[in-house]
């Protein structure tokens, strides 16, 4: 799982823990899988992965 290091996100974003919790929740719900599946289904560069 990717990690967000403390202090890396711009100040305009939510606090580090909020970003982590959102990323973790979206990962668990399959949001990133669906985002990446669309270009792969169209034969984009992700279809080679």
N, C-alpha and C. Protein backbone atom coordinates (compact mmCIF):
# COMPACT_ATOMS: atom_id res chain seq x y z
N UNK A 1 0.84 -1.17 0.00
CA UNK A 1 0.00 0.00 0.00
C UNK A 1 0.90 1.24 0.00
N UNK A 2 0.52 2.21 -0.79
CA UNK A 2 1.27 3.46 -0.84
C UNK A 2 1.06 4.24 0.45
N UNK A 3 2.01 5.05 0.78
CA UNK A 3 1.90 5.86 2.00
C UNK A 3 2.09 7.33 1.66
N UNK A 4 1.43 8.16 2.41
CA UNK A 4 1.60 9.60 2.31
C UNK A 4 2.47 10.01 3.48
N UNK A 5 3.64 10.53 3.17
CA UNK A 5 4.53 10.94 4.25
C UNK A 5 4.08 12.27 4.82
N UNK A 6 4.27 12.40 6.10
CA UNK A 6 3.88 13.61 6.79
C UNK A 6 4.64 14.81 6.19
N UNK A 7 3.91 15.86 5.87
CA UNK A 7 4.53 17.07 5.34
C UNK A 7 4.66 17.10 3.83
N UNK A 8 4.29 16.03 3.14
CA UNK A 8 4.43 15.98 1.69
C UNK A 8 3.25 16.64 1.00
N UNK A 9 2.06 16.44 1.53
CA UNK A 9 0.86 17.02 0.92
C UNK A 9 0.84 18.53 1.13
N UNK A 10 0.39 19.28 0.13
CA UNK A 10 0.29 20.74 0.28
C UNK A 10 -0.65 21.12 1.43
N UNK A 11 -0.42 22.27 2.00
CA UNK A 11 -1.20 22.74 3.13
C UNK A 11 -2.68 22.92 2.78
N UNK A 12 -2.99 23.12 1.49
CA UNK A 12 -4.38 23.31 1.06
C UNK A 12 -5.21 22.04 1.22
N UNK A 13 -4.54 20.90 1.30
CA UNK A 13 -5.24 19.63 1.50
C UNK A 13 -5.54 19.43 2.98
N UNK A 14 -6.36 18.43 3.25
CA UNK A 14 -6.71 18.12 4.63
C UNK A 14 -5.48 17.61 5.38
N UNK A 15 -5.58 17.49 6.70
CA UNK A 15 -4.46 16.96 7.48
C UNK A 15 -4.04 15.57 7.02
N UNK A 16 -2.82 15.20 7.35
CA UNK A 16 -2.23 13.93 6.94
C UNK A 16 -3.13 12.74 7.25
N UNK A 17 -3.69 12.70 8.45
CA UNK A 17 -4.51 11.55 8.84
C UNK A 17 -5.79 11.48 8.01
N UNK A 18 -6.36 12.62 7.64
CA UNK A 18 -7.56 12.62 6.81
C UNK A 18 -7.24 12.08 5.42
N UNK A 19 -6.10 12.50 4.86
CA UNK A 19 -5.70 11.99 3.56
C UNK A 19 -5.46 10.49 3.61
N UNK A 20 -4.81 10.04 4.66
CA UNK A 20 -4.55 8.61 4.81
C UNK A 20 -5.86 7.84 4.92
N UNK A 21 -6.76 8.32 5.77
CA UNK A 21 -8.04 7.63 5.96
C UNK A 21 -8.84 7.59 4.67
N UNK A 22 -8.84 8.68 3.91
CA UNK A 22 -9.57 8.71 2.63
C UNK A 22 -8.95 7.72 1.64
N UNK A 23 -7.62 7.73 1.55
CA UNK A 23 -6.93 6.80 0.64
C UNK A 23 -7.24 5.36 1.02
N UNK A 24 -7.15 5.05 2.31
CA UNK A 24 -7.42 3.70 2.78
C UNK A 24 -8.86 3.28 2.49
N UNK A 25 -9.81 4.17 2.75
CA UNK A 25 -11.23 3.87 2.51
C UNK A 25 -11.48 3.65 1.02
N UNK A 26 -10.93 4.52 0.16
CA UNK A 26 -11.12 4.37 -1.28
C UNK A 26 -10.48 3.08 -1.78
N UNK A 27 -9.32 2.72 -1.22
CA UNK A 27 -8.68 1.47 -1.61
C UNK A 27 -9.56 0.28 -1.24
N UNK A 28 -10.08 0.29 -0.04
CA UNK A 28 -10.93 -0.79 0.46
C UNK A 28 -12.21 -0.91 -0.37
N UNK A 29 -12.75 0.22 -0.83
CA UNK A 29 -13.99 0.22 -1.61
C UNK A 29 -13.76 -0.09 -3.09
N UNK A 30 -12.51 -0.18 -3.51
CA UNK A 30 -12.20 -0.51 -4.90
C UNK A 30 -12.27 0.67 -5.85
N UNK A 31 -12.23 1.89 -5.32
CA UNK A 31 -12.33 3.09 -6.16
C UNK A 31 -11.16 3.12 -7.16
N UNK A 32 -9.95 2.88 -6.70
CA UNK A 32 -8.79 2.94 -7.58
C UNK A 32 -8.82 1.82 -8.61
N UNK A 33 -9.32 0.65 -8.24
CA UNK A 33 -9.46 -0.45 -9.20
C UNK A 33 -10.39 -0.07 -10.34
N UNK A 34 -11.50 0.59 -10.00
CA UNK A 34 -12.45 1.01 -11.04
C UNK A 34 -11.86 2.12 -11.91
N UNK A 35 -11.12 3.03 -11.31
CA UNK A 35 -10.50 4.11 -12.08
C UNK A 35 -9.51 3.53 -13.09
N UNK A 36 -8.71 2.57 -12.66
CA UNK A 36 -7.69 2.00 -13.53
C UNK A 36 -8.26 0.98 -14.50
N UNK A 37 -9.42 0.41 -14.21
CA UNK A 37 -10.01 -0.59 -15.10
C UNK A 37 -10.56 0.04 -16.38
N UNK A 38 -11.04 1.26 -16.31
CA UNK A 38 -11.64 1.90 -17.48
C UNK A 38 -10.64 2.05 -18.63
N UNK A 39 -9.45 2.64 -18.42
CA UNK A 39 -8.50 2.74 -19.54
C UNK A 39 -8.02 1.36 -20.01
N UNK A 40 -7.89 0.42 -19.09
CA UNK A 40 -7.44 -0.92 -19.48
C UNK A 40 -8.47 -1.60 -20.37
N UNK A 41 -9.75 -1.39 -20.08
CA UNK A 41 -10.81 -1.98 -20.89
C UNK A 41 -10.85 -1.39 -22.30
N UNK A 42 -10.40 -0.15 -22.41
CA UNK A 42 -10.39 0.51 -23.72
C UNK A 42 -9.12 0.19 -24.50
N UNK A 43 -8.23 -0.63 -23.92
CA UNK A 43 -6.99 -0.99 -24.61
C UNK A 43 -5.91 0.06 -24.47
N UNK A 44 -6.00 0.88 -23.43
CA UNK A 44 -5.00 1.91 -23.19
C UNK A 44 -3.71 1.32 -22.68
N UNK A 45 -2.82 2.15 -22.23
CA UNK A 45 -1.49 1.70 -21.79
C UNK A 45 -1.56 0.76 -20.61
N UNK A 46 -2.65 0.79 -19.84
CA UNK A 46 -2.76 -0.09 -18.68
C UNK A 46 -3.06 -1.53 -19.06
N UNK A 47 -3.47 -1.78 -20.30
CA UNK A 47 -3.80 -3.14 -20.70
C UNK A 47 -2.55 -4.02 -20.76
N UNK A 48 -1.37 -3.40 -20.81
CA UNK A 48 -0.11 -4.15 -20.85
C UNK A 48 0.33 -4.60 -19.47
N UNK A 49 -0.28 -4.08 -18.42
CA UNK A 49 0.14 -4.39 -17.05
C UNK A 49 -0.35 -5.74 -16.60
